[in-house]
Amino acid sequence: MPTMAVRSQIATEPSPAAAAATSSAVPVQPTPEPARGSQEEQDLDHQGQGKDDQHDDHDRDTPKFPHPKLRLEIRDLDHPGAVKFLGTVNASTLLSDAVQNVQRLLYRSAADKHTTCPPTRSVTVILRDMGGVAYTTGTDLDPDLKEIHFSLSYIAAHIPSTPPSRLPAEITGVLTHELVHCYQWDAHGTAPGGLIEGYRGLGPAQLRPEPASMEGGGDVKIDKGYQHTAYFLQYLESRFGEGTVRRINEALRSTREYEARELWVSVLGKEVEELWGEYCGSVSDEDGKGSARELEQSDVFTS
């Protein structure tokens, strides 16, 4: 069957009505491109992006302390101490923040070439029913895998007598002090226990125990431990300058066997007994507390 081709006829001249409509139409303007701003503004934008990129590169290049694996083990969830602990603090945030604070306290920065942070790979906090308050130990398999044993009985018996606003600080204080043991050097286990315990008193004032009376301070030994030695170390930091306690800690790392005279003279130029005598003289005021309280307010250990 033949196919019919149909062609449309296009008028070559518009009708009068169409011409009138065309002549009265508003011309369509092209859509303007978005304003790009001045060249100066564009240059500033590029500079800002460059600074952001440089900041990101700096963050990636800045050495960071190794962060250990953190674990929490509760031996008795029904124990009143466990209930109080879980209802008071966020264990994940608490432990992570405390580790970073201790690392900065003892070593300031991972880029500091004058200090060496121990290779602690994990810290397990074990809440269990036991006597005392807390203690820290390495595992039988590896001394770089630390365990902090925290007494549920202490939490249950001691915490209820503490004002509610102080509960987080009480728990944080105990764990922070024990974490110091996970990151301090001890002359390969030969340093006096009191000196090692004294490091536990270092840190922000709100995490430290109240200063003990120094009445008869001359009869208190340098390695008495806890707040006695802690305030002595703070005195040394204040007297000899920021970083003094870090230098002592670093000397304990490189010392195979603790020898008091050799260590203290090499770090501070004086024997420890002489330094201790000078410290006791500095706190021999009316009630034996004044200078120690001034040291407590010092911020040299909070940065």
C-alpha atoms as a PDB file:
ATOM      1  CA  MET A   1       0.000   0.000   0.000  1.00  0.00           C
ATOM      2  CA  PRO A   2       1.513   3.365  -0.916  1.00  0.00           C
ATOM      3  CA  THR A   3       2.638   5.685   1.867  1.00  0.00           C
ATOM      4  CA  MET A   4       1.424   9.247   1.909  1.00  0.00           C
ATOM      5  CA  ALA A   5       3.939  11.868   2.870  1.00  0.00           C
ATOM      6  CA  VAL A   6       2.520  14.732   4.915  1.00  0.00           C
ATOM      7  CA  ARG A   7       4.425  17.999   5.024  1.00  0.00           C
ATOM      8  CA  SER A   8       3.621  20.845   7.382  1.00  0.00           C
ATOM      9  CA  GLN A   9       3.272  24.257   5.857  1.00  0.00           C
ATOM     10  CA  ILE A  10       5.166  27.017   7.736  1.00  0.00           C
ATOM     11  CA  ALA A  11       3.999  30.592   7.161  1.00  0.00           C
ATOM     12  CA  THR A  12       6.778  32.864   6.100  1.00  0.00           C
ATOM     13  CA  GLU A  13       4.999  36.008   7.329  1.00  0.00           C
ATOM     14  CA  PRO A  14       3.231  36.325  10.700  1.00  0.00           C
ATOM     15  CA  SER A  15      -0.333  37.433  10.918  1.00  0.00           C
ATOM     16  CA  PRO A  16      -1.047  40.980  12.109  1.00  0.00           C
ATOM     17  CA  ALA A  17      -2.223  39.702  15.528  1.00  0.00           C
ATOM     18  CA  ALA A  18       0.891  37.592  15.995  1.00  0.00           C
ATOM     19  CA  ALA A  19       3.115  40.471  14.987  1.00  0.00           C
ATOM     20  CA  ALA A  20       1.467  42.715  17.547  1.00  0.00           C
ATOM     21  CA  ALA A  21       1.900  40.129  20.300  1.00  0.00           C
ATOM     22  CA  THR A  22       5.508  39.654  19.387  1.00  0.00           C
ATOM     23  CA  SER A  23       6.275  43.345  19.408  1.00  0.00           C
ATOM     24  CA  SER A  24       4.750  43.839  22.922  1.00  0.00           C
ATOM     25  CA  ALA A  25       6.550  40.878  24.605  1.00  0.00           C
ATOM     26  CA  VAL A  26       9.151  41.649  27.317  1.00  0.00           C
ATOM     27  CA  PRO A  27      12.595  40.521  26.228  1.00  0.00           C
ATOM     28  CA  VAL A  28      13.979  37.612  28.280  1.00  0.00           C
ATOM     29  CA  GLN A  29      17.217  38.455  30.074  1.00  0.00           C
ATOM     30  CA  PRO A  30      19.908  35.762  30.433  1.00  0.00           C
ATOM     31  CA  THR A  31      20.296  34.259  33.959  1.00  0.00           C
ATOM     32  CA  PRO A  32      23.242  35.954  35.680  1.00  0.00           C
ATOM     33  CA  GLU A  33      26.065  33.814  37.049  1.00  0.00           C
ATOM     34  CA  PRO A  34      26.456  33.711  40.875  1.00  0.00           C
ATOM     35  CA  ALA A  35      28.629  36.497  42.201  1.00  0.00           C
ATOM     36  CA  ARG A  36      32.146  35.271  42.860  1.00  0.00           C
ATOM     37  CA  GLY A  37      33.282  38.198  44.967  1.00  0.00           C
ATOM     38  CA  SER A  38      36.408  40.214  44.560  1.00  0.00           C
ATOM     39  CA  GLN A  39      39.758  38.691  43.772  1.00  0.00           C
ATOM     40  CA  GLU A  40      40.905  39.623  47.277  1.00  0.00           C
ATOM     41  CA  GLU A  41      38.031  37.670  48.848  1.00  0.00           C
ATOM     42  CA  GLN A  42      38.822  34.646  46.688  1.00  0.00           C
ATOM     43  CA  ASP A  43      42.484  34.837  47.692  1.00  0.00           C
ATOM     44  CA  LEU A  44      41.502  34.944  51.388  1.00  0.00           C
ATOM     45  CA  ASP A  45      39.288  31.891  50.898  1.00  0.00           C
ATOM     46  CA  HIS A  46      42.172  29.971  49.376  1.00  0.00           C
ATOM     47  CA  GLN A  47      44.468  31.080  52.187  1.00  0.00           C
ATOM     48  CA  GLY A  48      41.940  29.879  54.765  1.00  0.00           C
ATOM     49  CA  GLN A  49      41.710  26.497  53.098  1.00  0.00           C
ATOM     50  CA  GLY A  50      45.484  26.320  53.040  1.00  0.00           C
ATOM     51  CA  LYS A  51      45.686  27.016  56.774  1.00  0.00           C
ATOM     52  CA  ASP A  52      43.080  24.335  57.490  1.00  0.00           C
ATOM     53  CA  ASP A  53      45.061  21.855  55.415  1.00  0.00           C
ATOM     54  CA  GLN A  54      48.263  22.824  57.209  1.00  0.00           C
ATOM     55  CA  HIS A  55      46.519  22.416  60.596  1.00  0.00           C
ATOM     56  CA  ASP A  56      45.308  18.943  59.625  1.00  0.00           C
ATOM     57  CA  ASP A  57      48.811  18.009  58.454  1.00  0.00           C
ATOM     58  CA  HIS A  58      50.258  19.317  61.719  1.00  0.00           C
ATOM     59  CA  ASP A  59      47.805  17.208  63.757  1.00  0.00           C
ATOM     60  CA  ARG A  60      48.760  14.127  61.760  1.00  0.00           C
ATOM     61  CA  ASP A  61      52.478  14.825  62.139  1.00  0.00           C
ATOM     62  CA  THR A  62      52.429  15.666  65.877  1.00  0.00           C
ATOM     63  CA  PRO A  63      53.611  12.675  67.946  1.00  0.00           C
ATOM     64  CA  LYS A  64      50.986  11.305  70.303  1.00  0.00           C
ATOM     65  CA  PHE A  65      51.294   9.179  73.403  1.00  0.00           C
ATOM     66  CA  PRO A  66      50.288   5.563  72.772  1.00  0.00           C
ATOM     67  CA  HIS A  67      46.818   4.945  74.155  1.00  0.00           C
ATOM     68  CA  PRO A  68      46.495   1.658  76.041  1.00  0.00           C
ATOM     69  CA  LYS A  69      43.655  -0.798  75.752  1.00  0.00           C
ATOM     70  CA  LEU A  70      41.289   0.017  78.626  1.00  0.00           C
ATOM     71  CA  ARG A  71      39.141  -2.608  80.309  1.00  0.00           C
ATOM     72  CA  LEU A  72      36.728  -2.691  83.244  1.00  0.00           C
ATOM     73  CA  GLU A  73      36.014  -5.886  85.168  1.00  0.00           C
ATOM     74  CA  ILE A  74      33.381  -5.965  87.910  1.00  0.00           C
ATOM     75  CA  ARG A  75      33.463  -9.139  89.981  1.00  0.00           C
ATOM     76  CA  ASP A  76      30.104  -8.546  91.690  1.00  0.00           C
ATOM     77  CA  LEU A  77      27.502  -6.405  89.943  1.00  0.00           C
ATOM     78  CA  ASP A  78      25.123  -6.656  92.911  1.00  0.00           C
ATOM     79  CA  HIS A  79      27.636  -5.262  95.364  1.00  0.00           C
ATOM     80  CA  PRO A  80      26.599  -1.816  96.726  1.00  0.00           C
ATOM     81  CA  GLY A  81      30.019  -0.500  95.711  1.00  0.00           C
ATOM     82  CA  ALA A  82      29.453  -1.565  92.098  1.00  0.00           C
ATOM     83  CA  VAL A  83      26.055   0.119  92.034  1.00  0.00           C
ATOM     84  CA  LYS A  84      27.563   3.295  93.466  1.00  0.00           C
ATOM     85  CA  PHE A  85      30.484   3.248  90.998  1.00  0.00           C
ATOM     86  CA  LEU A  86      28.323   2.737  87.903  1.00  0.00           C
ATOM     87  CA  GLY A  87      25.854   5.375  89.048  1.00  0.00           C
ATOM     88  CA  THR A  88      28.559   7.957  89.689  1.00  0.00           C
ATOM     89  CA  VAL A  89      30.983   7.941  86.756  1.00  0.00           C
ATOM     90  CA  ASN A  90      31.259   7.107  83.076  1.00  0.00           C
ATOM     91  CA  ALA A  91      34.095   4.581  83.277  1.00  0.00           C
ATOM     92  CA  SER A  92      35.066   4.855  79.607  1.00  0.00           C
ATOM     93  CA  THR A  93      35.470   8.637  79.651  1.00  0.00           C
ATOM     94  CA  LEU A  94      36.994   8.689  83.124  1.00  0.00           C
ATOM     95  CA  LEU A  95      39.770   6.208  82.348  1.00  0.00           C
ATOM     96  CA  SER A  96      40.612   7.649  78.939  1.00  0.00           C
ATOM     97  CA  ASP A  97      40.860  11.202  80.284  1.00  0.00           C
ATOM     98  CA  ALA A  98      42.831  10.089  83.352  1.00  0.00           C
ATOM     99  CA  VAL A  99      45.401   8.241  81.210  1.00  0.00           C
ATOM    100  CA  GLN A 100      45.985  11.353  79.096  1.00  0.00           C
ATOM    101  CA  ASN A 101      46.291  13.549  82.199  1.00  0.00           C
ATOM    102  CA  VAL A 102      48.866  11.232  83.775  1.00  0.00           C
ATOM    103  CA  GLN A 103      50.883  11.020  80.564  1.00  0.00           C
ATOM    104  CA  ARG A 104      51.003  14.823  80.320  1.00  0.00           C
ATOM    105  CA  LEU A 105      51.813  15.121  84.024  1.00  0.00           C
ATOM    106  CA  LEU A 106      54.838  12.830  83.889  1.00  0.00           C
ATOM    107  CA  TYR A 107      56.015  13.383  80.300  1.00  0.00           C
ATOM    108  CA  ARG A 108      54.342  16.630  79.127  1.00  0.00           C
ATOM    109  CA  SER A 109      54.461  15.773  75.416  1.00  0.00           C
ATOM    110  CA  ALA A 110      55.158  12.760  73.244  1.00  0.00           C
ATOM    111  CA  ALA A 111      57.529  15.034  71.315  1.00  0.00           C
ATOM    112  CA  ASP A 112      59.624  15.782  74.420  1.00  0.00           C
ATOM    113  CA  LYS A 113      63.041  14.226  73.772  1.00  0.00           C
ATOM    114  CA  HIS A 114      64.048  14.457  77.442  1.00  0.00           C
ATOM    115  CA  THR A 115      61.435  12.045  78.791  1.00  0.00           C
ATOM    116  CA  THR A 116      60.381   8.513  77.898  1.00  0.00           C
ATOM    117  CA  CYS A 117      56.843   7.253  78.435  1.00  0.00           C
ATOM    118  CA  PRO A 118      56.659   3.558  79.422  1.00  0.00           C
ATOM    119  CA  PRO A 119      55.192   1.122  76.867  1.00  0.00           C
ATOM    120  CA  THR A 120      52.062   0.364  78.901  1.00  0.00           C
ATOM    121  CA  ARG A 121      49.823  -1.511  76.460  1.00  0.00           C
ATOM    122  CA  SER A 122      46.708  -2.145  78.533  1.00  0.00           C
ATOM    123  CA  VAL A 123      45.117  -1.150  81.835  1.00  0.00           C
ATOM    124  CA  THR A 124      42.384  -3.292  83.383  1.00  0.00           C
ATOM    125  CA  VAL A 125      40.436  -1.855  86.310  1.00  0.00           C
ATOM    126  CA  ILE A 126      39.132  -4.675  88.492  1.00  0.00           C
ATOM    127  CA  LEU A 127      36.410  -3.805  90.990  1.00  0.00           C
ATOM    128  CA  ARG A 128      36.240  -6.491  93.678  1.00  0.00           C
ATOM    129  CA  ASP A 129      35.473  -7.023  97.339  1.00  0.00           C
ATOM    130  CA  MET A 130      38.769  -6.653  99.201  1.00  0.00           C
ATOM    131  CA  GLY A 131      40.432  -4.801 102.057  1.00  0.00           C
ATOM    132  CA  GLY A 132      42.233  -1.496 101.634  1.00  0.00           C
ATOM    133  CA  VAL A 133      41.537   0.975  98.843  1.00  0.00           C
ATOM    134  CA  ALA A 134      43.414   0.100  95.656  1.00  0.00           C
ATOM    135  CA  TYR A 135      46.697  -1.188  94.294  1.00  0.00           C
ATOM    136  CA  THR A 136      48.387  -1.593  90.909  1.00  0.00           C
ATOM    137  CA  THR A 137      50.307  -4.540  89.515  1.00  0.00           C
ATOM    138  CA  GLY A 138      51.562  -5.945  86.236  1.00  0.00           C
ATOM    139  CA  THR A 139      50.115  -9.201  84.979  1.00  0.00           C
ATOM    140  CA  ASP A 140      51.996 -12.466  85.383  1.00  0.00           C
ATOM    141  CA  LEU A 141      52.427 -12.752  81.617  1.00  0.00           C
ATOM    142  CA  ASP A 142      53.607  -9.232  80.846  1.00  0.00           C
ATOM    143  CA  PRO A 143      54.531  -6.311  83.161  1.00  0.00           C
ATOM    144  CA  ASP A 144      53.325  -3.845  80.497  1.00  0.00           C
ATOM    145  CA  LEU A 145      49.780  -5.174  80.940  1.00  0.00           C
ATOM    146  CA  LYS A 146      48.642  -3.378  84.096  1.00  0.00           C
ATOM    147  CA  GLU A 147      45.847  -4.170  86.537  1.00  0.00           C
ATOM    148  CA  ILE A 148      44.309  -1.710  88.993  1.00  0.00           C
ATOM    149  CA  HIS A 149      42.410  -3.477  91.782  1.00  0.00           C
ATOM    150  CA  PHE A 150      39.841  -1.128  93.354  1.00  0.00           C
ATOM    151  CA  SER A 151      37.956  -2.110  96.515  1.00  0.00           C
ATOM    152  CA  LEU A 152      34.180  -2.314  96.204  1.00  0.00           C
ATOM    153  CA  SER A 153      34.022  -2.335 100.003  1.00  0.00           C
ATOM    154  CA  TYR A 154      35.856   0.973 100.156  1.00  0.00           C
ATOM    155  CA  ILE A 155      33.517   2.514  97.583  1.00  0.00           C
ATOM    156  CA  ALA A 156      30.451   1.278  99.447  1.00  0.00           C
ATOM    157  CA  ALA A 157      31.680   2.320 102.911  1.00  0.00           C
ATOM    158  CA  HIS A 158      33.548   5.553 102.113  1.00  0.00           C
ATOM    159  CA  ILE A 159      31.604   7.103  99.276  1.00  0.00           C
ATOM    160  CA  PRO A 160      28.243   7.409 101.123  1.00  0.00           C
ATOM    161  CA  SER A 161      29.885   9.793 103.606  1.00  0.00           C
ATOM    162  CA  THR A 162      31.122  11.999 100.759  1.00  0.00           C
ATOM    163  CA  PRO A 163      28.988  14.923  99.519  1.00  0.00           C
ATOM    164  CA  PRO A 164      27.320  13.976  96.198  1.00  0.00           C
ATOM    165  CA  SER A 165      29.158  16.737  94.352  1.00  0.00           C
ATOM    166  CA  ARG A 166      32.471  15.158  95.353  1.00  0.00           C
ATOM    167  CA  LEU A 167      31.684  11.570  94.358  1.00  0.00           C
ATOM    168  CA  PRO A 168      33.145  11.711  90.817  1.00  0.00           C
ATOM    169  CA  ALA A 169      36.295  13.451  92.086  1.00  0.00           C
ATOM    170  CA  GLU A 170      36.801  10.844  94.833  1.00  0.00           C
ATOM    171  CA  ILE A 171      36.659   7.932  92.396  1.00  0.00           C
ATOM    172  CA  THR A 172      38.647   9.801  89.750  1.00  0.00           C
ATOM    173  CA  GLY A 173      41.284  10.667  92.341  1.00  0.00           C
ATOM    174  CA  VAL A 174      41.860   7.054  93.368  1.00  0.00           C
ATOM    175  CA  LEU A 175      42.068   5.810  89.776  1.00  0.00           C
ATOM    176  CA  THR A 176      44.291   8.693  88.685  1.00  0.00           C
ATOM    177  CA  HIS A 177      46.704   7.972  91.520  1.00  0.00           C
ATOM    178  CA  GLU A 178      46.850   4.308  90.571  1.00  0.00           C
ATOM    179  CA  LEU A 179      47.354   5.165  86.909  1.00  0.00           C
ATOM    180  CA  VAL A 180      50.468   7.100  87.925  1.00  0.00           C
ATOM    181  CA  HIS A 181      51.922   3.728  88.948  1.00  0.00           C
ATOM    182  CA  CYS A 182      51.194   2.438  85.456  1.00  0.00           C
ATOM    183  CA  TYR A 183      53.298   5.201  83.914  1.00  0.00           C
ATOM    184  CA  GLN A 184      56.097   6.051  86.346  1.00  0.00           C
ATOM    185  CA  TRP A 185      59.634   4.664  86.482  1.00  0.00           C
ATOM    186  CA  ASP A 186      60.972   3.044  89.655  1.00  0.00           C
ATOM    187  CA  ALA A 187      64.653   2.275  89.027  1.00  0.00           C
ATOM    188  CA  HIS A 188      63.736  -1.271  87.994  1.00  0.00           C
ATOM    189  CA  GLY A 189      61.890  -1.888  91.243  1.00  0.00           C
ATOM    190  CA  THR A 190      64.694  -0.645  93.529  1.00  0.00           C
ATOM    191  CA  ALA A 191      63.401   2.873  94.352  1.00  0.00           C
ATOM    192  CA  PRO A 192      61.996   3.433  97.875  1.00  0.00           C
ATOM    193  CA  GLY A 193      58.295   2.651  98.061  1.00  0.00           C
ATOM    194  CA  GLY A 194      57.559   5.946  99.787  1.00  0.00           C
ATOM    195  CA  LEU A 195      59.119   7.924  96.932  1.00  0.00           C
ATOM    196  CA  ILE A 196      57.067   5.987  94.388  1.00  0.00           C
ATOM    197  CA  GLU A 197      53.880   6.499  96.409  1.00  0.00           C
ATOM    198  CA  GLY A 198      54.640  10.210  96.631  1.00  0.00           C
ATOM    199  CA  TYR A 199      54.025  10.545  92.909  1.00  0.00           C
ATOM    200  CA  ARG A 200      50.417   9.574  93.566  1.00  0.00           C
ATOM    201  CA  GLY A 201      49.852  12.910  95.280  1.00  0.00           C
ATOM    202  CA  LEU A 202      50.860  14.900  92.216  1.00  0.00           C
ATOM    203  CA  GLY A 203      48.268  16.365  89.889  1.00  0.00           C
ATOM    204  CA  PRO A 204      45.376  18.818  90.023  1.00  0.00           C
ATOM    205  CA  ALA A 205      44.653  20.054  93.545  1.00  0.00           C
ATOM    206  CA  GLN A 206      41.102  18.719  93.483  1.00  0.00           C
ATOM    207  CA  LEU A 207      42.453  15.167  93.023  1.00  0.00           C
ATOM    208  CA  ARG A 208      44.985  15.331  95.836  1.00  0.00           C
ATOM    209  CA  PRO A 209      44.429  14.474  99.520  1.00  0.00           C
ATOM    210  CA  GLU A 210      44.328  17.247 102.070  1.00  0.00           C
ATOM    211  CA  PRO A 211      47.835  18.104 103.258  1.00  0.00           C
ATOM    212  CA  ALA A 212      48.836  16.336 106.447  1.00  0.00           C
ATOM    213  CA  SER A 213      50.089  18.387 109.371  1.00  0.00           C
ATOM    214  CA  MET A 214      53.827  18.910 109.215  1.00  0.00           C
ATOM    215  CA  GLU A 215      54.203  19.399 112.966  1.00  0.00           C
ATOM    216  CA  GLY A 216      57.505  17.887 113.885  1.00  0.00           C
ATOM    217  CA  GLY A 217      58.261  17.851 110.145  1.00  0.00           C
ATOM    218  CA  GLY A 218      61.910  17.145 110.747  1.00  0.00           C
ATOM    219  CA  ASP A 219      60.944  13.739 112.128  1.00  0.00           C
ATOM    220  CA  VAL A 220      59.033  12.777 109.013  1.00  0.00           C
ATOM    221  CA  LYS A 221      61.181  10.905 106.514  1.00  0.00           C
ATOM    222  CA  ILE A 222      61.551  11.784 102.868  1.00  0.00           C
ATOM    223  CA  ASP A 223      60.034   8.495 101.750  1.00  0.00           C
ATOM    224  CA  LYS A 224      57.091   8.610 104.152  1.00  0.00           C
ATOM    225  CA  GLY A 225      54.958   8.479 101.029  1.00  0.00           C
ATOM    226  CA  TYR A 226      51.620   9.849  99.852  1.00  0.00           C
ATOM    227  CA  GLN A 227      51.062  13.524 100.755  1.00  0.00           C
ATOM    228  CA  HIS A 228      54.307  13.912 102.728  1.00  0.00           C
ATOM    229  CA  THR A 229      56.504  13.048  99.750  1.00  0.00           C
ATOM    230  CA  ALA A 230      54.050  14.606  97.267  1.00  0.00           C
ATOM    231  CA  TYR A 231      54.384  18.042  98.843  1.00  0.00           C
ATOM    232  CA  PHE A 232      58.156  17.650  98.954  1.00  0.00           C
ATOM    233  CA  LEU A 233      58.156  16.934  95.209  1.00  0.00           C
ATOM    234  CA  GLN A 234      55.940  19.952  94.618  1.00  0.00           C
ATOM    235  CA  TYR A 235      58.366  22.055  96.628  1.00  0.00           C
ATOM    236  CA  LEU A 236      61.238  20.877  94.414  1.00  0.00           C
ATOM    237  CA  GLU A 237      59.220  21.679  91.278  1.00  0.00           C
ATOM    238  CA  SER A 238      58.482  25.168  92.577  1.00  0.00           C
ATOM    239  CA  ARG A 239      62.069  25.787  93.685  1.00  0.00           C
ATOM    240  CA  PHE A 240      64.057  24.310  90.791  1.00  0.00           C
ATOM    241  CA  GLY A 241      61.610  25.007  87.998  1.00  0.00           C
ATOM    242  CA  GLU A 242      58.989  23.330  85.845  1.00  0.00           C
ATOM    243  CA  GLY A 243      60.055  19.859  84.743  1.00  0.00           C
ATOM    244  CA  THR A 244      62.044  18.986  87.884  1.00  0.00           C
ATOM    245  CA  VAL A 245      59.845  16.049  88.831  1.00  0.00           C
ATOM    246  CA  ARG A 246      59.964  14.787  85.233  1.00  0.00           C
ATOM    247  CA  ARG A 247      63.765  14.854  85.432  1.00  0.00           C
ATOM    248  CA  ILE A 248      63.681  12.818  88.640  1.00  0.00           C
ATOM    249  CA  ASN A 249      61.319  10.336  87.025  1.00  0.00           C
ATOM    250  CA  GLU A 250      63.565  10.062  83.958  1.00  0.00           C
ATOM    251  CA  ALA A 251      66.573   9.451  86.213  1.00  0.00           C
ATOM    252  CA  LEU A 252      64.658   6.571  87.802  1.00  0.00           C
ATOM    253  CA  ARG A 253      64.182   5.099  84.313  1.00  0.00           C
ATOM    254  CA  SER A 254      67.880   5.042  83.490  1.00  0.00           C
ATOM    255  CA  THR A 255      69.004   3.876  86.961  1.00  0.00           C
ATOM    256  CA  ARG A 256      69.478   0.131  87.244  1.00  0.00           C
ATOM    257  CA  GLU A 257      69.707   0.256  91.042  1.00  0.00           C
ATOM    258  CA  TYR A 258      68.620   3.172  93.209  1.00  0.00           C
ATOM    259  CA  GLU A 259      71.433   4.996  94.992  1.00  0.00           C
ATOM    260  CA  ALA A 260      70.080   8.082  96.766  1.00  0.00           C
ATOM    261  CA  ARG A 261      73.210  10.232  96.719  1.00  0.00           C
ATOM    262  CA  GLU A 262      74.077   9.497  93.105  1.00  0.00           C
ATOM    263  CA  LEU A 263      70.576  10.118  91.798  1.00  0.00           C
ATOM    264  CA  TRP A 264      69.713  13.308  93.674  1.00  0.00           C
ATOM    265  CA  VAL A 265      73.109  14.958  93.252  1.00  0.00           C
ATOM    266  CA  SER A 266      73.084  14.218  89.525  1.00  0.00           C
ATOM    267  CA  VAL A 267      69.634  15.768  89.100  1.00  0.00           C
ATOM    268  CA  LEU A 268      69.596  18.644  91.622  1.00  0.00           C
ATOM    269  CA  GLY A 269      73.177  19.013  92.805  1.00  0.00           C
ATOM    270  CA  LYS A 270      72.381  18.230  96.453  1.00  0.00           C
ATOM    271  CA  GLU A 271      71.836  15.158  98.565  1.00  0.00           C
ATOM    272  CA  VAL A 272      68.238  14.366  99.333  1.00  0.00           C
ATOM    273  CA  GLU A 273      68.656  14.777 103.102  1.00  0.00           C
ATOM    274  CA  GLU A 274      69.804  18.365 102.590  1.00  0.00           C
ATOM    275  CA  LEU A 275      66.903  19.104 100.273  1.00  0.00           C
ATOM    276  CA  TRP A 276      64.464  17.547 102.733  1.00  0.00           C
ATOM    277  CA  GLY A 277      65.838  19.658 105.577  1.00  0.00           C
ATOM    278  CA  GLU A 278      65.405  22.818 103.525  1.00  0.00           C
ATOM    279  CA  TYR A 279      61.863  21.781 102.667  1.00  0.00           C
ATOM    280  CA  CYS A 280      60.954  21.149 106.317  1.00  0.00           C
ATOM    281  CA  GLY A 281      62.321  24.587 107.159  1.00  0.00           C
ATOM    282  CA  SER A 282      60.058  26.116 104.547  1.00  0.00           C
ATOM    283  CA  VAL A 283      56.929  24.694 106.226  1.00  0.00           C
ATOM    284  CA  SER A 284      57.874  25.327 109.858  1.00  0.00           C
ATOM    285  CA  ASP A 285      55.316  28.079 110.324  1.00  0.00           C
ATOM    286  CA  GLU A 286      52.836  28.432 113.167  1.00  0.00           C
ATOM    287  CA  ASP A 287      50.665  25.372 112.471  1.00  0.00           C
ATOM    288  CA  GLY A 288      52.943  23.522 110.063  1.00  0.00           C
ATOM    289  CA  LYS A 289      50.468  23.800 107.211  1.00  0.00           C
ATOM    290  CA  GLY A 290      50.694  27.254 105.708  1.00  0.00           C
ATOM    291  CA  SER A 291      53.421  26.793 103.133  1.00  0.00           C
ATOM    292  CA  ALA A 292      52.168  23.332 102.255  1.00  0.00           C
ATOM    293  CA  ARG A 293      48.734  24.775 101.487  1.00  0.00           C
ATOM    294  CA  GLU A 294      50.312  27.422  99.278  1.00  0.00           C
ATOM    295  CA  LEU A 295      52.056  24.628  97.375  1.00  0.00           C
ATOM    296  CA  GLU A 296      48.738  22.854  97.051  1.00  0.00           C
ATOM    297  CA  GLN A 297      47.332  25.821  95.159  1.00  0.00           C
ATOM    298  CA  SER A 298      50.268  25.884  92.751  1.00  0.00           C
ATOM    299  CA  ASP A 299      49.299  25.082  89.166  1.00  0.00           C
ATOM    300  CA  VAL A 300      52.699  23.740  88.079  1.00  0.00           C
ATOM    301  CA  PHE A 301      51.310  20.205  87.998  1.00  0.00           C
ATOM    302  CA  THR A 302      47.979  20.979  86.300  1.00  0.00           C
ATOM    303  CA  SER A 303      49.302  21.928  82.861  1.00  0.00           C
END
